[in-house]
């Protein structure tokens, strides 16, 4: 469904129900955000033990090899 089709449907909604439509949209966005964060943490132990961001692994290897040249 396109944004234009949704906008046309919203234009048909009586004004007294626009608050409910707005709350429904907020709920859908909230649910979508929660699903994204849950999918990113699946199987990760970082939430228990913390995370270290060491950077790009290939760049680190290149730097290490550069020391011996």
PDB file of N, CA and C in Angstrom:
ATOM      1  N   UNK A   1       0.852  -1.168   0.000  1.00  0.00           N
ATOM      2  CA  UNK A   1       0.000   0.000   0.000  1.00  0.00           C
ATOM      3  C   UNK A   1       0.897   1.229   0.000  1.00  0.00           C
ATOM      4  N   UNK A   2       0.543   2.200  -0.792  1.00  0.00           N
ATOM      5  CA  UNK A   2       1.362   3.400  -0.907  1.00  0.00           C
ATOM      6  C   UNK A   2       0.909   4.468   0.088  1.00  0.00           C
ATOM      7  N   UNK A   3       1.783   5.450   0.286  1.00  0.00           N
ATOM      8  CA  UNK A   3       1.455   6.561   1.173  1.00  0.00           C
ATOM      9  C   UNK A   3       0.243   7.339   0.655  1.00  0.00           C
ATOM     10  N   UNK A   4       0.145   7.456  -0.661  1.00  0.00           N
ATOM     11  CA  UNK A   4      -0.979   8.191  -1.239  1.00  0.00           C
ATOM     12  C   UNK A   4      -2.308   7.512  -0.911  1.00  0.00           C
ATOM     13  N   UNK A   5      -2.344   6.172  -0.987  1.00  0.00           N
ATOM     14  CA  UNK A   5      -3.569   5.439  -0.681  1.00  0.00           C
ATOM     15  C   UNK A   5      -3.942   5.596   0.791  1.00  0.00           C
ATOM     16  N   UNK A   6      -2.945   5.562   1.664  1.00  0.00           N
ATOM     17  CA  UNK A   6      -3.211   5.735   3.093  1.00  0.00           C
ATOM     18  C   UNK A   6      -3.712   7.147   3.362  1.00  0.00           C
ATOM     19  N   UNK A   7      -3.107   8.136   2.737  1.00  0.00           N
ATOM     20  CA  UNK A   7      -3.533   9.522   2.929  1.00  0.00           C
ATOM     21  C   UNK A   7      -4.971   9.728   2.453  1.00  0.00           C
ATOM     22  N   UNK A   8      -5.335   9.098   1.370  1.00  0.00           N
ATOM     23  CA  UNK A   8      -6.718   9.207   0.879  1.00  0.00           C
ATOM     24  C   UNK A   8      -7.691   8.595   1.884  1.00  0.00           C
ATOM     25  N   UNK A   9      -7.312   7.479   2.498  1.00  0.00           N
ATOM     26  CA  UNK A   9      -8.165   6.870   3.514  1.00  0.00           C
ATOM     27  C   UNK A   9      -8.276   7.765   4.736  1.00  0.00           C
ATOM     28  N   UNK A  10      -7.167   8.363   5.137  1.00  0.00           N
ATOM     29  CA  UNK A  10      -7.188   9.241   6.309  1.00  0.00           C
ATOM     30  C   UNK A  10      -8.064  10.459   6.047  1.00  0.00           C
ATOM     31  N   UNK A  11      -8.061  10.974   4.831  1.00  0.00           N
ATOM     32  CA  UNK A  11      -8.882  12.139   4.490  1.00  0.00           C
ATOM     33  C   UNK A  11     -10.369  11.831   4.619  1.00  0.00           C
ATOM     34  N   UNK A  12     -10.746  10.555   4.492  1.00  0.00           N
ATOM     35  CA  UNK A  12     -12.149  10.168   4.591  1.00  0.00           C
ATOM     36  C   UNK A  12     -12.618   9.990   6.035  1.00  0.00           C
ATOM     37  N   UNK A  13     -11.666   9.907   6.976  1.00  0.00           N
ATOM     38  CA  UNK A  13     -12.008   9.697   8.382  1.00  0.00           C
ATOM     39  C   UNK A  13     -12.581  10.989   8.956  1.00  0.00           C
ATOM     40  N   UNK A  14     -13.712  10.908   9.671  1.00  0.00           N
ATOM     41  CA  UNK A  14     -14.253  12.112  10.326  1.00  0.00           C
ATOM     42  C   UNK A  14     -13.246  12.688  11.331  1.00  0.00           C
ATOM     43  N   UNK A  15     -13.268  14.014  11.495  1.00  0.00           N
ATOM     44  CA  UNK A  15     -12.281  14.692  12.330  1.00  0.00           C
ATOM     45  C   UNK A  15     -12.263  14.210  13.769  1.00  0.00           C
ATOM     46  N   UNK A  16     -13.386  13.821  14.311  1.00  0.00           N
ATOM     47  CA  UNK A  16     -13.418  13.398  15.708  1.00  0.00           C
ATOM     48  C   UNK A  16     -12.671  12.079  15.944  1.00  0.00           C
ATOM     49  N   UNK A  17     -12.358  11.336  14.873  1.00  0.00           N
ATOM     50  CA  UNK A  17     -11.636  10.074  15.015  1.00  0.00           C
ATOM     51  C   UNK A  17     -10.153  10.202  14.672  1.00  0.00           C
ATOM     52  N   UNK A  18      -9.687  11.384  14.312  1.00  0.00           N
ATOM     53  CA  UNK A  18      -8.290  11.544  13.926  1.00  0.00           C
ATOM     54  C   UNK A  18      -7.344  11.276  15.093  1.00  0.00           C
ATOM     55  N   UNK A  19      -7.768  11.558  16.316  1.00  0.00           N
ATOM     56  CA  UNK A  19      -6.942  11.251  17.485  1.00  0.00           C
ATOM     57  C   UNK A  19      -6.687   9.761  17.606  1.00  0.00           C
ATOM     58  N   UNK A  20      -7.717   8.963  17.380  1.00  0.00           N
ATOM     59  CA  UNK A  20      -7.554   7.504  17.439  1.00  0.00           C
ATOM     60  C   UNK A  20      -6.645   7.000  16.325  1.00  0.00           C
ATOM     61  N   UNK A  21      -6.777   7.587  15.146  1.00  0.00           N
ATOM     62  CA  UNK A  21      -5.920   7.194  14.029  1.00  0.00           C
ATOM     63  C   UNK A  21      -4.461   7.527  14.358  1.00  0.00           C
ATOM     64  N   UNK A  22      -4.251   8.696  14.949  1.00  0.00           N
ATOM     65  CA  UNK A  22      -2.904   9.099  15.338  1.00  0.00           C
ATOM     66  C   UNK A  22      -2.317   8.145  16.372  1.00  0.00           C
ATOM     67  N   UNK A  23      -3.121   7.745  17.356  1.00  0.00           N
ATOM     68  CA  UNK A  23      -2.649   6.797  18.371  1.00  0.00           C
ATOM     69  C   UNK A  23      -2.312   5.444  17.749  1.00  0.00           C
ATOM     70  N   UNK A  24      -3.115   5.008  16.788  1.00  0.00           N
ATOM     71  CA  UNK A  24      -2.847   3.740  16.109  1.00  0.00           C
ATOM     72  C   UNK A  24      -1.533   3.805  15.341  1.00  0.00           C
ATOM     73  N   UNK A  25      -1.284   4.917  14.670  1.00  0.00           N
ATOM     74  CA  UNK A  25      -0.028   5.076  13.929  1.00  0.00           C
ATOM     75  C   UNK A  25       1.148   5.055  14.889  1.00  0.00           C
ATOM     76  N   UNK A  26       1.020   5.741  16.036  1.00  0.00           N
ATOM     77  CA  UNK A  26       2.090   5.729  17.038  1.00  0.00           C
ATOM     78  C   UNK A  26       2.348   4.313  17.548  1.00  0.00           C
ATOM     79  N   UNK A  27       1.277   3.544  17.760  1.00  0.00           N
ATOM     80  CA  UNK A  27       1.426   2.170  18.237  1.00  0.00           C
ATOM     81  C   UNK A  27       2.163   1.316  17.210  1.00  0.00           C
ATOM     82  N   UNK A  28       1.811   1.459  15.943  1.00  0.00           N
ATOM     83  CA  UNK A  28       2.468   0.674  14.897  1.00  0.00           C
ATOM     84  C   UNK A  28       3.951   1.028  14.826  1.00  0.00           C
ATOM     85  N   UNK A  29       4.280   2.307  14.922  1.00  0.00           N
ATOM     86  CA  UNK A  29       5.680   2.719  14.899  1.00  0.00           C
ATOM     87  C   UNK A  29       6.435   2.199  16.121  1.00  0.00           C
ATOM     88  N   UNK A  30       5.789   2.229  17.287  1.00  0.00           N
ATOM     89  CA  UNK A  30       6.392   1.709  18.517  1.00  0.00           C
ATOM     90  C   UNK A  30       6.671   0.209  18.391  1.00  0.00           C
ATOM     91  N   UNK A  31       5.696  -0.523  17.879  1.00  0.00           N
ATOM     92  CA  UNK A  31       5.856  -1.964  17.711  1.00  0.00           C
ATOM     93  C   UNK A  31       6.972  -2.275  16.711  1.00  0.00           C
ATOM     94  N   UNK A  32       7.031  -1.507  15.632  1.00  0.00           N
ATOM     95  CA  UNK A  32       8.080  -1.698  14.627  1.00  0.00           C
ATOM     96  C   UNK A  32       9.456  -1.442  15.232  1.00  0.00           C
ATOM     97  N   UNK A  33       9.591  -0.399  16.048  1.00  0.00           N
ATOM     98  CA  UNK A  33      10.868  -0.094  16.690  1.00  0.00           C
ATOM     99  C   UNK A  33      11.288  -1.219  17.633  1.00  0.00           C
ATOM    100  N   UNK A  34      10.346  -1.761  18.401  1.00  0.00           N
ATOM    101  CA  UNK A  34      10.663  -2.858  19.317  1.00  0.00           C
ATOM    102  C   UNK A  34      11.085  -4.111  18.574  1.00  0.00           C
ATOM    103  N   UNK A  35      10.458  -4.409  17.451  1.00  0.00           N
ATOM    104  CA  UNK A  35      10.828  -5.581  16.661  1.00  0.00           C
ATOM    105  C   UNK A  35      12.236  -5.426  16.111  1.00  0.00           C
ATOM    106  N   UNK A  36      12.595  -4.214  15.680  1.00  0.00           N
ATOM    107  CA  UNK A  36      13.945  -3.984  15.159  1.00  0.00           C
ATOM    108  C   UNK A  36      14.987  -4.187  16.240  1.00  0.00           C
ATOM    109  N   UNK A  37      14.736  -3.688  17.438  1.00  0.00           N
ATOM    110  CA  UNK A  37      15.731  -3.830  18.508  1.00  0.00           C
ATOM    111  C   UNK A  37      15.814  -5.277  18.974  1.00  0.00           C
ATOM    112  N   UNK A  38      14.699  -6.003  19.006  1.00  0.00           N
ATOM    113  CA  UNK A  38      14.732  -7.407  19.402  1.00  0.00           C
ATOM    114  C   UNK A  38      15.497  -8.245  18.380  1.00  0.00           C
ATOM    115  N   UNK A  39      15.318  -7.950  17.100  1.00  0.00           N
ATOM    116  CA  UNK A  39      16.012  -8.712  16.062  1.00  0.00           C
ATOM    117  C   UNK A  39      17.504  -8.454  16.087  1.00  0.00           C
ATOM    118  N   UNK A  40      17.933  -7.276  16.479  1.00  0.00           N
ATOM    119  CA  UNK A  40      19.359  -6.971  16.534  1.00  0.00           C
ATOM    120  C   UNK A  40      20.042  -7.677  17.690  1.00  0.00           C
ATOM    121  N   UNK A  41      19.328  -7.971  18.775  1.00  0.00           N
ATOM    122  CA  UNK A  41      19.926  -8.591  19.949  1.00  0.00           C
ATOM    123  C   UNK A  41      19.763 -10.098  19.993  1.00  0.00           C
ATOM    124  N   UNK A  42      19.187 -10.706  18.963  1.00  0.00           N
ATOM    125  CA  UNK A  42      18.969 -12.151  18.980  1.00  0.00           C
ATOM    126  C   UNK A  42      20.295 -12.901  19.039  1.00  0.00           C
ATOM    127  N   UNK A  43      20.454 -13.733  20.044  1.00  0.00           N
ATOM    128  CA  UNK A  43      21.635 -14.558  20.151  1.00  0.00           C
ATOM    129  C   UNK A  43      22.873 -13.829  20.617  1.00  0.00           C
ATOM    130  N   UNK A  44      22.781 -12.568  20.901  1.00  0.00           N
ATOM    131  CA  UNK A  44      23.948 -11.809  21.319  1.00  0.00           C
ATOM    132  C   UNK A  44      24.076 -11.837  22.833  1.00  0.00           C
ATOM    133  N   UNK A  45      25.264 -12.099  23.313  1.00  0.00           N
ATOM    134  CA  UNK A  45      25.518 -12.083  24.747  1.00  0.00           C
ATOM    135  C   UNK A  45      25.972 -10.711  25.210  1.00  0.00           C
ATOM    136  N   UNK A  46      26.030  -9.744  24.287  1.00  0.00           N
ATOM    137  CA  UNK A  46      26.477  -8.410  24.630  1.00  0.00           C
ATOM    138  C   UNK A  46      25.615  -7.733  25.670  1.00  0.00           C
ATOM    139  N   UNK A  47      24.332  -8.075  25.702  1.00  0.00           N
ATOM    140  CA  UNK A  47      23.467  -7.444  26.693  1.00  0.00           C
ATOM    141  C   UNK A  47      23.780  -7.949  28.101  1.00  0.00           C
ATOM    142  N   UNK A  48      24.438  -9.095  28.224  1.00  0.00           N
ATOM    143  CA  UNK A  48      24.805  -9.633  29.525  1.00  0.00           C
ATOM    144  C   UNK A  48      26.224  -9.239  29.935  1.00  0.00           C
ATOM    145  N   UNK A  49      27.143  -9.254  28.970  1.00  0.00           N
ATOM    146  CA  UNK A  49      28.550  -9.065  29.293  1.00  0.00           C
ATOM    147  C   UNK A  49      29.122  -7.746  28.788  1.00  0.00           C
ATOM    148  N   UNK A  50      28.349  -6.970  28.056  1.00  0.00           N
ATOM    149  CA  UNK A  50      28.851  -5.725  27.487  1.00  0.00           C
ATOM    150  C   UNK A  50      29.425  -5.961  26.098  1.00  0.00           C
ATOM    151  N   UNK A  51      29.706  -4.881  25.418  1.00  0.00           N
ATOM    152  CA  UNK A  51      30.216  -4.981  24.050  1.00  0.00           C
ATOM    153  C   UNK A  51      31.445  -4.109  23.906  1.00  0.00           C
ATOM    154  N   UNK A  52      32.362  -4.580  23.086  1.00  0.00           N
ATOM    155  CA  UNK A  52      33.553  -3.805  22.754  1.00  0.00           C
ATOM    156  C   UNK A  52      33.527  -3.534  21.260  1.00  0.00           C
ATOM    157  N   UNK A  53      33.657  -2.279  20.895  1.00  0.00           N
ATOM    158  CA  UNK A  53      33.713  -1.928  19.486  1.00  0.00           C
ATOM    159  C   UNK A  53      35.161  -1.637  19.146  1.00  0.00           C
ATOM    160  N   UNK A  54      35.820  -2.604  18.545  1.00  0.00           N
ATOM    161  CA  UNK A  54      37.232  -2.470  18.227  1.00  0.00           C
ATOM    162  C   UNK A  54      37.464  -1.882  16.852  1.00  0.00           C
ATOM    163  N   UNK A  55      36.434  -1.708  16.083  1.00  0.00           N
ATOM    164  CA  UNK A  55      36.578  -1.162  14.739  1.00  0.00           C
ATOM    165  C   UNK A  55      36.519  -2.256  13.693  1.00  0.00           C
ATOM    166  N   UNK A  56      36.955  -1.906  12.522  1.00  0.00           N
ATOM    167  CA  UNK A  56      36.928  -2.817  11.391  1.00  0.00           C
ATOM    168  C   UNK A  56      38.040  -3.858  11.523  1.00  0.00           C
ATOM    169  N   UNK A  57      37.676  -5.116  11.482  1.00  0.00           N
ATOM    170  CA  UNK A  57      38.647  -6.194  11.644  1.00  0.00           C
ATOM    171  C   UNK A  57      39.715  -6.204  10.562  1.00  0.00           C
ATOM    172  N   UNK A  58      39.338  -5.919   9.325  1.00  0.00           N
ATOM    173  CA  UNK A  58      40.322  -5.924   8.238  1.00  0.00           C
ATOM    174  C   UNK A  58      41.314  -4.773   8.387  1.00  0.00           C
ATOM    175  N   UNK A  59      40.831  -3.621   8.855  1.00  0.00           N
ATOM    176  CA  UNK A  59      41.727  -2.485   9.068  1.00  0.00           C
ATOM    177  C   UNK A  59      42.722  -2.797  10.183  1.00  0.00           C
ATOM    178  N   UNK A  60      42.282  -3.474  11.226  1.00  0.00           N
ATOM    179  CA  UNK A  60      43.176  -3.856  12.324  1.00  0.00           C
ATOM    180  C   UNK A  60      44.244  -4.819  11.826  1.00  0.00           C
ATOM    181  N   UNK A  61      43.834  -5.813  11.017  1.00  0.00           N
ATOM    182  CA  UNK A  61      44.809  -6.768  10.464  1.00  0.00           C
ATOM    183  C   UNK A  61      45.829  -6.057   9.584  1.00  0.00           C
ATOM    184  N   UNK A  62      45.369  -5.092   8.796  1.00  0.00           N
ATOM    185  CA  UNK A  62      46.269  -4.352   7.917  1.00  0.00           C
ATOM    186  C   UNK A  62      47.294  -3.572   8.737  1.00  0.00           C
ATOM    187  N   UNK A  63      46.855  -2.966   9.848  1.00  0.00           N
ATOM    188  CA  UNK A  63      47.774  -2.233  10.715  1.00  0.00           C
ATOM    189  C   UNK A  63      48.795  -3.175  11.343  1.00  0.00           C
ATOM    190  N   UNK A  64      48.336  -4.345  11.779  1.00  0.00           N
ATOM    191  CA  UNK A  64      49.241  -5.305  12.398  1.00  0.00           C
ATOM    192  C   UNK A  64      50.288  -5.773  11.385  1.00  0.00           C
ATOM    193  N   UNK A  65      49.869  -6.068  10.170  1.00  0.00           N
ATOM    194  CA  UNK A  65      50.810  -6.507   9.145  1.00  0.00           C
ATOM    195  C   UNK A  65      51.768  -5.395   8.756  1.00  0.00           C
ATOM    196  N   UNK A  66      51.288  -4.152   8.831  1.00  0.00           N
ATOM    197  CA  UNK A  66      52.136  -3.024   8.482  1.00  0.00           C
ATOM    198  C   UNK A  66      53.295  -2.841   9.439  1.00  0.00           C
ATOM    199  N   UNK A  67      53.180  -3.310  10.673  1.00  0.00           N
ATOM    200  CA  UNK A  67      54.267  -3.203  11.645  1.00  0.00           C
ATOM    201  C   UNK A  67      55.461  -4.036  11.251  1.00  0.00           C
ATOM    202  N   UNK A  68      55.227  -5.131  10.542  1.00  0.00           N
ATOM    203  CA  UNK A  68      56.315  -6.054  10.214  1.00  0.00           C
ATOM    204  C   UNK A  68      56.948  -5.766   8.852  1.00  0.00           C
ATOM    205  N   UNK A  69      56.417  -4.798   8.142  1.00  0.00           N
ATOM    206  CA  UNK A  69      56.997  -4.492   6.805  1.00  0.00           C
ATOM    207  C   UNK A  69      58.218  -3.649   6.935  1.00  0.00           C
TER     208      UNK A  69
END
